[in-house]
Amino acid sequence: MHHLLGQIAIDSREPDVARESLRTAIQFYPQHLPSLLDLGDLYLSTGEAERARETLVRAASLAPQDPRP
């Protein structure tokens, strides 16, 4: 549910709401790859390069064969 709220907030151009929703989703399910990818992309789009790198490296470690991270 929090992941979906994060996606809606991204689409609505509400990065603060999206960031909080995606972080909450990850707190409940730390291995949720879609939430990690969306959060990493959000960090990139808001100029938070280091946070983006950390989040996307974490996503890549969970799914090393997935080409997305």
PDB file of N, CA and C in Angstrom:
ATOM      1  N   MET A   1       0.812  -1.184   0.000  1.00  0.00           N
ATOM      2  CA  MET A   1       0.000   0.000   0.000  1.00  0.00           C
ATOM      3  C   MET A   1       0.873   1.272   0.000  1.00  0.00           C
ATOM      4  N   HIS A   2       1.901   1.281   0.811  1.00  0.00           N
ATOM      5  CA  HIS A   2       2.770   2.465   0.876  1.00  0.00           C
ATOM      6  C   HIS A   2       3.513   2.669  -0.439  1.00  0.00           C
ATOM      7  N   HIS A   3       3.880   1.562  -1.091  1.00  0.00           N
ATOM      8  CA  HIS A   3       4.537   1.676  -2.382  1.00  0.00           C
ATOM      9  C   HIS A   3       3.593   2.339  -3.385  1.00  0.00           C
ATOM     10  N   LEU A   4       2.356   1.916  -3.407  1.00  0.00           N
ATOM     11  CA  LEU A   4       1.371   2.502  -4.315  1.00  0.00           C
ATOM     12  C   LEU A   4       1.174   3.994  -4.020  1.00  0.00           C
ATOM     13  N   LEU A   5       1.091   4.338  -2.746  1.00  0.00           N
ATOM     14  CA  LEU A   5       0.970   5.753  -2.375  1.00  0.00           C
ATOM     15  C   LEU A   5       2.190   6.541  -2.855  1.00  0.00           C
ATOM     16  N   GLY A   6       3.356   5.927  -2.755  1.00  0.00           N
ATOM     17  CA  GLY A   6       4.567   6.576  -3.251  1.00  0.00           C
ATOM     18  C   GLY A   6       4.518   6.810  -4.745  1.00  0.00           C
ATOM     19  N   GLN A   7       4.035   5.825  -5.486  1.00  0.00           N
ATOM     20  CA  GLN A   7       3.921   5.977  -6.935  1.00  0.00           C
ATOM     21  C   GLN A   7       2.926   7.086  -7.297  1.00  0.00           C
ATOM     22  N   ILE A   8       1.810   7.126  -6.586  1.00  0.00           N
ATOM     23  CA  ILE A   8       0.817   8.172  -6.837  1.00  0.00           C
ATOM     24  C   ILE A   8       1.423   9.550  -6.559  1.00  0.00           C
ATOM     25  N   ALA A   9       2.172   9.653  -5.462  1.00  0.00           N
ATOM     26  CA  ALA A   9       2.803  10.927  -5.115  1.00  0.00           C
ATOM     27  C   ALA A   9       3.849  11.328  -6.156  1.00  0.00           C
ATOM     28  N   ILE A  10       4.580  10.361  -6.686  1.00  0.00           N
ATOM     29  CA  ILE A  10       5.546  10.659  -7.751  1.00  0.00           C
ATOM     30  C   ILE A  10       4.803  11.208  -8.961  1.00  0.00           C
ATOM     31  N   ASP A  11       3.741  10.524  -9.350  1.00  0.00           N
ATOM     32  CA  ASP A  11       2.950  10.966 -10.503  1.00  0.00           C
ATOM     33  C   ASP A  11       2.324  12.338 -10.275  1.00  0.00           C
ATOM     34  N   SER A  12       2.014  12.655  -9.015  1.00  0.00           N
ATOM     35  CA  SER A  12       1.410  13.942  -8.665  1.00  0.00           C
ATOM     36  C   SER A  12       2.454  15.021  -8.412  1.00  0.00           C
ATOM     37  N   ARG A  13       3.712  14.674  -8.611  1.00  0.00           N
ATOM     38  CA  ARG A  13       4.836  15.598  -8.398  1.00  0.00           C
ATOM     39  C   ARG A  13       4.886  16.124  -6.966  1.00  0.00           C
ATOM     40  N   GLU A  14       4.766  15.179  -6.048  1.00  0.00           N
ATOM     41  CA  GLU A  14       4.883  15.479  -4.622  1.00  0.00           C
ATOM     42  C   GLU A  14       6.036  14.642  -4.055  1.00  0.00           C
ATOM     43  N   PRO A  15       7.284  15.069  -4.307  1.00  0.00           N
ATOM     44  CA  PRO A  15       8.428  14.239  -3.926  1.00  0.00           C
ATOM     45  C   PRO A  15       8.557  13.985  -2.425  1.00  0.00           C
ATOM     46  N   ASP A  16       8.173  14.931  -1.591  1.00  0.00           N
ATOM     47  CA  ASP A  16       8.289  14.712  -0.149  1.00  0.00           C
ATOM     48  C   ASP A  16       7.342  13.616   0.318  1.00  0.00           C
ATOM     49  N   VAL A  17       6.131  13.633  -0.195  1.00  0.00           N
ATOM     50  CA  VAL A  17       5.147  12.599   0.150  1.00  0.00           C
ATOM     51  C   VAL A  17       5.612  11.253  -0.404  1.00  0.00           C
ATOM     52  N   ALA A  18       6.105  11.262  -1.626  1.00  0.00           N
ATOM     53  CA  ALA A  18       6.586  10.029  -2.247  1.00  0.00           C
ATOM     54  C   ALA A  18       7.749   9.441  -1.452  1.00  0.00           C
ATOM     55  N   ARG A  19       8.691  10.283  -1.080  1.00  0.00           N
ATOM     56  CA  ARG A  19       9.862   9.830  -0.325  1.00  0.00           C
ATOM     57  C   ARG A  19       9.433   9.160   0.982  1.00  0.00           C
ATOM     58  N   GLU A  20       8.518   9.795   1.698  1.00  0.00           N
ATOM     59  CA  GLU A  20       8.067   9.253   2.976  1.00  0.00           C
ATOM     60  C   GLU A  20       7.307   7.935   2.789  1.00  0.00           C
ATOM     61  N   SER A  21       6.460   7.870   1.788  1.00  0.00           N
ATOM     62  CA  SER A  21       5.692   6.652   1.528  1.00  0.00           C
ATOM     63  C   SER A  21       6.605   5.497   1.141  1.00  0.00           C
ATOM     64  N   LEU A  22       7.567   5.761   0.284  1.00  0.00           N
ATOM     65  CA  LEU A  22       8.484   4.698  -0.139  1.00  0.00           C
ATOM     66  C   LEU A  22       9.386   4.252   1.005  1.00  0.00           C
ATOM     67  N   ARG A  23       9.840   5.181   1.808  1.00  0.00           N
ATOM     68  CA  ARG A  23      10.648   4.803   2.984  1.00  0.00           C
ATOM     69  C   ARG A  23       9.835   3.926   3.938  1.00  0.00           C
ATOM     70  N   THR A  24       8.571   4.260   4.116  1.00  0.00           N
ATOM     71  CA  THR A  24       7.701   3.455   4.987  1.00  0.00           C
ATOM     72  C   THR A  24       7.519   2.064   4.398  1.00  0.00           C
ATOM     73  N   ALA A  25       7.311   1.980   3.082  1.00  0.00           N
ATOM     74  CA  ALA A  25       7.172   0.671   2.438  1.00  0.00           C
ATOM     75  C   ALA A  25       8.404  -0.189   2.691  1.00  0.00           C
ATOM     76  N   ILE A  26       9.570   0.428   2.596  1.00  0.00           N
ATOM     77  CA  ILE A  26      10.828  -0.302   2.796  1.00  0.00           C
ATOM     78  C   ILE A  26      11.012  -0.697   4.255  1.00  0.00           C
ATOM     79  N   GLN A  27      10.525   0.108   5.175  1.00  0.00           N
ATOM     80  CA  GLN A  27      10.593  -0.270   6.591  1.00  0.00           C
ATOM     81  C   GLN A  27       9.791  -1.545   6.853  1.00  0.00           C
ATOM     82  N   PHE A  28       8.626  -1.646   6.223  1.00  0.00           N
ATOM     83  CA  PHE A  28       7.791  -2.831   6.410  1.00  0.00           C
ATOM     84  C   PHE A  28       8.328  -4.047   5.665  1.00  0.00           C
ATOM     85  N   TYR A  29       8.928  -3.818   4.501  1.00  0.00           N
ATOM     86  CA  TYR A  29       9.432  -4.912   3.684  1.00  0.00           C
ATOM     87  C   TYR A  29      10.755  -4.477   3.049  1.00  0.00           C
ATOM     88  N   PRO A  30      11.862  -4.653   3.778  1.00  0.00           N
ATOM     89  CA  PRO A  30      13.164  -4.143   3.337  1.00  0.00           C
ATOM     90  C   PRO A  30      13.655  -4.680   1.990  1.00  0.00           C
ATOM     91  N   GLN A  31      13.144  -5.827   1.562  1.00  0.00           N
ATOM     92  CA  GLN A  31      13.587  -6.400   0.293  1.00  0.00           C
ATOM     93  C   GLN A  31      12.631  -6.093  -0.856  1.00  0.00           C
ATOM     94  N   HIS A  32      11.739  -5.139  -0.695  1.00  0.00           N
ATOM     95  CA  HIS A  32      10.786  -4.826  -1.760  1.00  0.00           C
ATOM     96  C   HIS A  32      11.486  -4.046  -2.862  1.00  0.00           C
ATOM     97  N   LEU A  33      11.865  -4.780  -3.895  1.00  0.00           N
ATOM     98  CA  LEU A  33      12.663  -4.214  -4.973  1.00  0.00           C
ATOM     99  C   LEU A  33      11.983  -3.029  -5.665  1.00  0.00           C
ATOM    100  N   PRO A  34      10.689  -3.101  -6.002  1.00  0.00           N
ATOM    101  CA  PRO A  34      10.068  -1.944  -6.651  1.00  0.00           C
ATOM    102  C   PRO A  34      10.138  -0.663  -5.806  1.00  0.00           C
ATOM    103  N   SER A  35       9.979  -0.778  -4.498  1.00  0.00           N
ATOM    104  CA  SER A  35      10.076   0.405  -3.633  1.00  0.00           C
ATOM    105  C   SER A  35      11.491   0.962  -3.627  1.00  0.00           C
ATOM    106  N   LEU A  36      12.467   0.083  -3.564  1.00  0.00           N
ATOM    107  CA  LEU A  36      13.861   0.528  -3.585  1.00  0.00           C
ATOM    108  C   LEU A  36      14.202   1.210  -4.906  1.00  0.00           C
ATOM    109  N   LEU A  37      13.752   0.634  -6.005  1.00  0.00           N
ATOM    110  CA  LEU A  37      14.031   1.231  -7.314  1.00  0.00           C
ATOM    111  C   LEU A  37      13.355   2.584  -7.458  1.00  0.00           C
ATOM    112  N   ASP A  38      12.095   2.659  -7.044  1.00  0.00           N
ATOM    113  CA  ASP A  38      11.389   3.944  -7.141  1.00  0.00           C
ATOM    114  C   ASP A  38      12.026   4.996  -6.253  1.00  0.00           C
ATOM    115  N   LEU A  39      12.433   4.597  -5.050  1.00  0.00           N
ATOM    116  CA  LEU A  39      13.077   5.552  -4.148  1.00  0.00           C
ATOM    117  C   LEU A  39      14.420   6.006  -4.717  1.00  0.00           C
ATOM    118  N   GLY A  40      15.184   5.067  -5.265  1.00  0.00           N
ATOM    119  CA  GLY A  40      16.453   5.446  -5.899  1.00  0.00           C
ATOM    120  C   GLY A  40      16.250   6.416  -7.046  1.00  0.00           C
ATOM    121  N   ASP A  41      15.257   6.154  -7.884  1.00  0.00           N
ATOM    122  CA  ASP A  41      14.952   7.061  -8.990  1.00  0.00           C
ATOM    123  C   ASP A  41      14.492   8.424  -8.484  1.00  0.00           C
ATOM    124  N   LEU A  42      13.697   8.415  -7.416  1.00  0.00           N
ATOM    125  CA  LEU A  42      13.233   9.671  -6.828  1.00  0.00           C
ATOM    126  C   LEU A  42      14.419  10.480  -6.314  1.00  0.00           C
ATOM    127  N   TYR A  43      15.328   9.812  -5.610  1.00  0.00           N
ATOM    128  CA  TYR A  43      16.522  10.501  -5.135  1.00  0.00           C
ATOM    129  C   TYR A  43      17.302  11.117  -6.298  1.00  0.00           C
ATOM    130  N   LEU A  44      17.438  10.380  -7.398  1.00  0.00           N
ATOM    131  CA  LEU A  44      18.138  10.930  -8.562  1.00  0.00           C
ATOM    132  C   LEU A  44      17.434  12.168  -9.095  1.00  0.00           C
ATOM    133  N   SER A  45      16.121  12.102  -9.181  1.00  0.00           N
ATOM    134  CA  SER A  45      15.366  13.217  -9.759  1.00  0.00           C
ATOM    135  C   SER A  45      15.354  14.449  -8.866  1.00  0.00           C
ATOM    136  N   THR A  46      15.650  14.259  -7.576  1.00  0.00           N
ATOM    137  CA  THR A  46      15.670  15.397  -6.654  1.00  0.00           C
ATOM    138  C   THR A  46      17.098  15.827  -6.303  1.00  0.00           C
ATOM    139  N   GLY A  47      18.065  15.297  -7.043  1.00  0.00           N
ATOM    140  CA  GLY A  47      19.450  15.723  -6.862  1.00  0.00           C
ATOM    141  C   GLY A  47      20.162  15.114  -5.668  1.00  0.00           C
ATOM    142  N   GLU A  48      19.634  14.023  -5.140  1.00  0.00           N
ATOM    143  CA  GLU A  48      20.252  13.372  -3.975  1.00  0.00           C
ATOM    144  C   GLU A  48      21.070  12.174  -4.462  1.00  0.00           C
ATOM    145  N   ALA A  49      22.157  12.474  -5.147  1.00  0.00           N
ATOM    146  CA  ALA A  49      22.943  11.450  -5.837  1.00  0.00           C
ATOM    147  C   ALA A  49      23.495  10.373  -4.902  1.00  0.00           C
ATOM    148  N   GLU A  50      24.005  10.766  -3.760  1.00  0.00           N
ATOM    149  CA  GLU A  50      24.598   9.774  -2.850  1.00  0.00           C
ATOM    150  C   GLU A  50      23.527   8.834  -2.302  1.00  0.00           C
ATOM    151  N   ARG A  51      22.393   9.376  -1.917  1.00  0.00           N
ATOM    152  CA  ARG A  51      21.293   8.524  -1.436  1.00  0.00           C
ATOM    153  C   ARG A  51      20.797   7.617  -2.556  1.00  0.00           C
ATOM    154  N   ALA A  52      20.738   8.147  -3.757  1.00  0.00           N
ATOM    155  CA  ALA A  52      20.318   7.340  -4.909  1.00  0.00           C
ATOM    156  C   ALA A  52      21.274   6.168  -5.090  1.00  0.00           C
ATOM    157  N   ARG A  53      22.566   6.465  -5.045  1.00  0.00           N
ATOM    158  CA  ARG A  53      23.570   5.404  -5.227  1.00  0.00           C
ATOM    159  C   ARG A  53      23.418   4.332  -4.167  1.00  0.00           C
ATOM    160  N   GLU A  54      23.300   4.737  -2.907  1.00  0.00           N
ATOM    161  CA  GLU A  54      23.158   3.769  -1.814  1.00  0.00           C
ATOM    162  C   GLU A  54      21.914   2.902  -1.990  1.00  0.00           C
ATOM    163  N   THR A  55      20.818   3.525  -2.354  1.00  0.00           N
ATOM    164  CA  THR A  55      19.558   2.799  -2.500  1.00  0.00           C
ATOM    165  C   THR A  55      19.604   1.843  -3.686  1.00  0.00           C
ATOM    166  N   LEU A  56      20.166   2.303  -4.797  1.00  0.00           N
ATOM    167  CA  LEU A  56      20.218   1.452  -5.978  1.00  0.00           C
ATOM    168  C   LEU A  56      21.247   0.330  -5.836  1.00  0.00           C
ATOM    169  N   VAL A  57      22.322   0.570  -5.105  1.00  0.00           N
ATOM    170  CA  VAL A  57      23.281  -0.510  -4.816  1.00  0.00           C
ATOM    171  C   VAL A  57      22.596  -1.570  -3.951  1.00  0.00           C
ATOM    172  N   ARG A  58      21.824  -1.127  -2.991  1.00  0.00           N
ATOM    173  CA  ARG A  58      21.060  -2.071  -2.153  1.00  0.00           C
ATOM    174  C   ARG A  58      20.088  -2.878  -3.009  1.00  0.00           C
ATOM    175  N   ALA A  59      19.391  -2.222  -3.925  1.00  0.00           N
ATOM    176  CA  ALA A  59      18.464  -2.924  -4.808  1.00  0.00           C
ATOM    177  C   ALA A  59      19.209  -3.939  -5.671  1.00  0.00           C
ATOM    178  N   ALA A  60      20.343  -3.540  -6.203  1.00  0.00           N
ATOM    179  CA  ALA A  60      21.123  -4.441  -7.053  1.00  0.00           C
ATOM    180  C   ALA A  60      21.610  -5.657  -6.278  1.00  0.00           C
ATOM    181  N   SER A  61      21.926  -5.482  -5.005  1.00  0.00           N
ATOM    182  CA  SER A  61      22.397  -6.622  -4.208  1.00  0.00           C
ATOM    183  C   SER A  61      21.271  -7.627  -3.937  1.00  0.00           C
ATOM    184  N   LEU A  62      20.034  -7.154  -3.949  1.00  0.00           N
ATOM    185  CA  LEU A  62      18.895  -8.046  -3.733  1.00  0.00           C
ATOM    186  C   LEU A  62      18.517  -8.821  -4.986  1.00  0.00           C
ATOM    187  N   ALA A  63      18.811  -8.258  -6.130  1.00  0.00           N
ATOM    188  CA  ALA A  63      18.434  -8.885  -7.390  1.00  0.00           C
ATOM    189  C   ALA A  63      19.556  -8.701  -8.406  1.00  0.00           C
ATOM    190  N   PRO A  64      20.670  -9.416  -8.211  1.00  0.00           N
ATOM    191  CA  PRO A  64      21.829  -9.189  -9.064  1.00  0.00           C
ATOM    192  C   PRO A  64      21.589  -9.491 -10.543  1.00  0.00           C
ATOM    193  N   GLN A  65      20.614 -10.316 -10.872  1.00  0.00           N
ATOM    194  CA  GLN A  65      20.335 -10.629 -12.265  1.00  0.00           C
ATOM    195  C   GLN A  65      19.353  -9.675 -12.919  1.00  0.00           C
ATOM    196  N   ASP A  66      18.733  -8.810 -12.118  1.00  0.00           N
ATOM    197  CA  ASP A  66      17.749  -7.868 -12.644  1.00  0.00           C
ATOM    198  C   ASP A  66      18.479  -6.710 -13.307  1.00  0.00           C
ATOM    199  N   PRO A  67      18.155  -6.369 -14.550  1.00  0.00           N
ATOM    200  CA  PRO A  67      18.889  -5.303 -15.253  1.00  0.00           C
ATOM    201  C   PRO A  67      18.500  -3.880 -14.822  1.00  0.00           C
ATOM    202  N   ARG A  68      17.441  -3.719 -14.025  1.00  0.00           N
ATOM    203  CA  ARG A  68      16.962  -2.378 -13.685  1.00  0.00           C
ATOM    204  C   ARG A  68      17.888  -1.579 -12.768  1.00  0.00           C
ATOM    205  N   PRO A  69      18.413  -2.153 -11.667  1.00  0.00           N
ATOM    206  CA  PRO A  69      19.220  -1.289 -10.782  1.00  0.00           C
ATOM    207  C   PRO A  69      20.544  -0.871 -11.371  1.00  0.00           C
TER     208      PRO A  69
END
